[in-house]
Each structure stands twice: as C-alpha cells, then as structure tokens.
Amino acid sequence: MTIANGACDDEENDGDGTLSTVAIVQVGDSVSATGPWGSTSGSETLRGTRSGNAVSFSGAYEEDGGFTVATHNLTVTDADSRMAGLEFWTWSGPEGLCEGSQSDVTATRN
C-alpha cells in the first residue's frame, strides 16, 4: 500500500502487484540496492547498512520530471530469504512537493 501526500495524492493505491527486480548486495555491514527506482534512467543504486536483521538503505534519484529522496527500513526474515518493511519518500517537482509519503515493501530472494 502507498500513502502519498501533497502533490502526489493521486499516487495512493492499495498496491498494484507490480514486481521489480532489485539486486541487493551485502559486503560486511554495507548494503547496496540497485533497481528501477526512478522512471528516468531505470537503474539507480541506493546505499545503506545491515545491523542484525535490520536493513536500511537510502538515496535520491530523478523520477517523473522531479526528484525523489527515499529511505527503506526493512527486517530480514526466513534465513535471509525475505525482507519486509517501509519505504519513506519525498518527491519534489514542477507539480509541487509531496513529503511524508510511504509505501509497504516486501522482497523475496530468487
């Protein structure tokens, strides 16, 4: 589910079932996640850390004529085969600003 605020009110939905392939790599405590975050380039890398079962990564990228700043806070479960949590994001662009928005995130290892 996505909860969008401000200029992104029309982004709200109950989840459309869209699946994206994201490459998440962990080296020591460092984590990088590369995937189709923005609609401009189709592949951006967000960076962060893992501490125990908590994974957090964030970054910024161009999207829909504006700029998105996102942070993912996820919990690893099922012997490192699943992650779930929230993405907190802010988008700013020519249509305005939407801050304090969030999306549910689930990930499964292939």
C-alpha atoms as a PDB file:
ATOM      1  CA  MET A   1       0.000   0.000   0.000  1.00  0.00           C
ATOM      2  CA  THR A   2       1.201   3.508  -0.792  1.00  0.00           C
ATOM      3  CA  ILE A   3       0.220   6.560   1.213  1.00  0.00           C
ATOM      4  CA  ALA A   4       1.118   9.715  -0.703  1.00  0.00           C
ATOM      5  CA  ASN A   5       0.762  13.292   0.465  1.00  0.00           C
ATOM      6  CA  GLY A   6       0.770  16.752  -1.082  1.00  0.00           C
ATOM      7  CA  ALA A   7       1.242  16.940  -4.839  1.00  0.00           C
ATOM      8  CA  CYS A   8       1.368  13.106  -5.018  1.00  0.00           C
ATOM      9  CA  ASP A   9      -2.134  12.441  -3.617  1.00  0.00           C
ATOM     10  CA  ASP A  10      -3.090  10.666  -6.857  1.00  0.00           C
ATOM     11  CA  GLU A  11      -0.282   8.146  -6.247  1.00  0.00           C
ATOM     12  CA  GLU A  12      -2.235   6.469  -3.422  1.00  0.00           C
ATOM     13  CA  ASN A  13      -3.216   2.860  -4.037  1.00  0.00           C
ATOM     14  CA  ASP A  14      -3.710  -0.487  -2.369  1.00  0.00           C
ATOM     15  CA  GLY A  15      -0.765  -1.988  -4.198  1.00  0.00           C
ATOM     16  CA  ASP A  16      -0.920  -2.921  -7.839  1.00  0.00           C
ATOM     17  CA  GLY A  17       1.106  -6.107  -7.510  1.00  0.00           C
ATOM     18  CA  THR A  18       3.953  -4.636  -9.557  1.00  0.00           C
ATOM     19  CA  LEU A  19       7.129  -6.669  -9.159  1.00  0.00           C
ATOM     20  CA  SER A  20      10.561  -5.187  -9.720  1.00  0.00           C
ATOM     21  CA  THR A  21      13.885  -6.957  -9.848  1.00  0.00           C
ATOM     22  CA  VAL A  22      16.310  -5.373  -7.404  1.00  0.00           C
ATOM     23  CA  ALA A  23      19.894  -6.530  -6.812  1.00  0.00           C
ATOM     24  CA  ILE A  24      20.752  -6.263  -3.109  1.00  0.00           C
ATOM     25  CA  VAL A  25      24.394  -6.870  -2.238  1.00  0.00           C
ATOM     26  CA  GLN A  26      25.816  -7.079   1.272  1.00  0.00           C
ATOM     27  CA  VAL A  27      29.544  -6.773   1.980  1.00  0.00           C
ATOM     28  CA  GLY A  28      30.239  -6.759   5.696  1.00  0.00           C
ATOM     29  CA  ASP A  29      27.698  -4.369   7.190  1.00  0.00           C
ATOM     30  CA  SER A  30      27.348  -2.341   3.969  1.00  0.00           C
ATOM     31  CA  VAL A  31      24.347  -2.854   1.696  1.00  0.00           C
ATOM     32  CA  SER A  32      23.646  -1.599  -1.813  1.00  0.00           C
ATOM     33  CA  ALA A  33      20.359  -1.992  -3.655  1.00  0.00           C
ATOM     34  CA  THR A  34      20.263  -1.413  -7.414  1.00  0.00           C
ATOM     35  CA  GLY A  35      16.981  -1.386  -9.267  1.00  0.00           C
ATOM     36  CA  PRO A  36      14.466   0.567 -11.299  1.00  0.00           C
ATOM     37  CA  TRP A  37      13.727   3.156  -8.581  1.00  0.00           C
ATOM     38  CA  GLY A  38      13.169   6.101 -10.928  1.00  0.00           C
ATOM     39  CA  SER A  39      11.497   6.255 -14.279  1.00  0.00           C
ATOM     40  CA  THR A  40      14.297   8.310 -15.853  1.00  0.00           C
ATOM     41  CA  SER A  41      17.311   6.011 -16.010  1.00  0.00           C
ATOM     42  CA  GLY A  42      15.690   2.751 -14.894  1.00  0.00           C
ATOM     43  CA  SER A  43      18.581   1.756 -12.646  1.00  0.00           C
ATOM     44  CA  GLU A  44      19.788   3.620  -9.586  1.00  0.00           C
ATOM     45  CA  THR A  45      21.771   2.417  -6.582  1.00  0.00           C
ATOM     46  CA  LEU A  46      20.735   3.157  -3.015  1.00  0.00           C
ATOM     47  CA  ARG A  47      23.237   2.527  -0.207  1.00  0.00           C
ATOM     48  CA  GLY A  48      22.956   1.647   3.451  1.00  0.00           C
ATOM     49  CA  THR A  49      23.747  -0.805   6.222  1.00  0.00           C
ATOM     50  CA  ARG A  50      22.669  -4.011   7.900  1.00  0.00           C
ATOM     51  CA  SER A  51      22.702  -4.483  11.652  1.00  0.00           C
ATOM     52  CA  GLY A  52      21.395  -7.866  12.793  1.00  0.00           C
ATOM     53  CA  ASN A  53      18.088  -8.347  10.978  1.00  0.00           C
ATOM     54  CA  ALA A  54      17.598  -4.612  10.307  1.00  0.00           C
ATOM     55  CA  VAL A  55      18.459  -3.300   6.836  1.00  0.00           C
ATOM     56  CA  SER A  56      18.281   0.366   5.938  1.00  0.00           C
ATOM     57  CA  PHE A  57      19.245   1.945   2.611  1.00  0.00           C
ATOM     58  CA  SER A  58      18.526   5.315   1.073  1.00  0.00           C
ATOM     59  CA  GLY A  59      19.301   7.604  -1.815  1.00  0.00           C
ATOM     60  CA  ALA A  60      17.979  10.106  -4.293  1.00  0.00           C
ATOM     61  CA  TYR A  61      17.083   9.833  -7.974  1.00  0.00           C
ATOM     62  CA  GLU A  62      15.248  11.580 -10.809  1.00  0.00           C
ATOM     63  CA  GLU A  63      11.643  10.479 -11.261  1.00  0.00           C
ATOM     64  CA  ASP A  64       8.641  11.755 -13.237  1.00  0.00           C
ATOM     65  CA  GLY A  65      10.187  15.134 -14.023  1.00  0.00           C
ATOM     66  CA  GLY A  66      11.233  15.683 -10.424  1.00  0.00           C
ATOM     67  CA  PHE A  67      13.463  14.285  -7.733  1.00  0.00           C
ATOM     68  CA  THR A  68      12.748  11.535  -5.149  1.00  0.00           C
ATOM     69  CA  VAL A  69      14.579  11.010  -1.857  1.00  0.00           C
ATOM     70  CA  ALA A  70      13.791   7.591  -0.343  1.00  0.00           C
ATOM     71  CA  THR A  71      14.739   5.566   2.731  1.00  0.00           C
ATOM     72  CA  HIS A  72      13.901   1.864   3.090  1.00  0.00           C
ATOM     73  CA  ASN A  73      13.739   0.338   6.584  1.00  0.00           C
ATOM     74  CA  LEU A  74      13.372  -3.436   6.283  1.00  0.00           C
ATOM     75  CA  THR A  75      13.549  -6.506   8.517  1.00  0.00           C
ATOM     76  CA  VAL A  76      15.216  -9.694   7.260  1.00  0.00           C
ATOM     77  CA  THR A  77      13.415 -12.996   7.996  1.00  0.00           C
ATOM     78  CA  ASP A  78      13.262 -16.638   6.895  1.00  0.00           C
ATOM     79  CA  ALA A  79      17.016 -17.392   6.912  1.00  0.00           C
ATOM     80  CA  ASP A  80      17.801 -14.251   4.864  1.00  0.00           C
ATOM     81  CA  SER A  81      15.308 -15.152   2.115  1.00  0.00           C
ATOM     82  CA  ARG A  82      12.741 -12.376   2.795  1.00  0.00           C
ATOM     83  CA  MET A  83      12.649  -8.711   3.783  1.00  0.00           C
ATOM     84  CA  ALA A  84       9.680  -6.520   4.609  1.00  0.00           C
ATOM     85  CA  GLY A  85       9.159  -3.030   5.922  1.00  0.00           C
ATOM     86  CA  LEU A  86       8.521   0.532   4.815  1.00  0.00           C
ATOM     87  CA  GLU A  87       9.862   2.984   2.274  1.00  0.00           C
ATOM     88  CA  PHE A  88       9.617   6.626   3.333  1.00  0.00           C
ATOM     89  CA  TRP A  89       9.867   9.055   0.427  1.00  0.00           C
ATOM     90  CA  THR A  90       9.628  12.674  -0.620  1.00  0.00           C
ATOM     91  CA  TRP A  91       9.140  13.785  -4.213  1.00  0.00           C
ATOM     92  CA  SER A  92       9.575  17.341  -5.473  1.00  0.00           C
ATOM     93  CA  GLY A  93       8.990  18.547  -8.983  1.00  0.00           C
ATOM     94  CA  PRO A  94       7.197  21.070 -11.158  1.00  0.00           C
ATOM     95  CA  GLU A  95       3.790  19.965  -9.810  1.00  0.00           C
ATOM     96  CA  GLY A  96       4.803  20.609  -6.200  1.00  0.00           C
ATOM     97  CA  LEU A  97       6.063  18.685  -3.198  1.00  0.00           C
ATOM     98  CA  CYS A  98       4.896  15.503  -1.525  1.00  0.00           C
ATOM     99  CA  GLU A  99       6.681  14.778   1.696  1.00  0.00           C
ATOM    100  CA  GLY A 100       5.907  12.335   4.468  1.00  0.00           C
ATOM    101  CA  SER A 101       4.799   9.658   1.996  1.00  0.00           C
ATOM    102  CA  GLN A 102       5.362   5.922   2.483  1.00  0.00           C
ATOM    103  CA  SER A 103       4.988   2.556   0.777  1.00  0.00           C
ATOM    104  CA  ASP A 104       4.922  -1.026   2.063  1.00  0.00           C
ATOM    105  CA  VAL A 105       7.855  -3.067   0.734  1.00  0.00           C
ATOM    106  CA  THR A 106       8.353  -6.827   0.550  1.00  0.00           C
ATOM    107  CA  ALA A 107      11.302  -8.604  -1.028  1.00  0.00           C
ATOM    108  CA  THR A 108      11.970 -12.273  -1.718  1.00  0.00           C
ATOM    109  CA  ARG A 109      15.315 -13.760  -2.710  1.00  0.00           C
ATOM    110  CA  ASN A 110      15.263 -15.546  -6.065  1.00  0.00           C
END
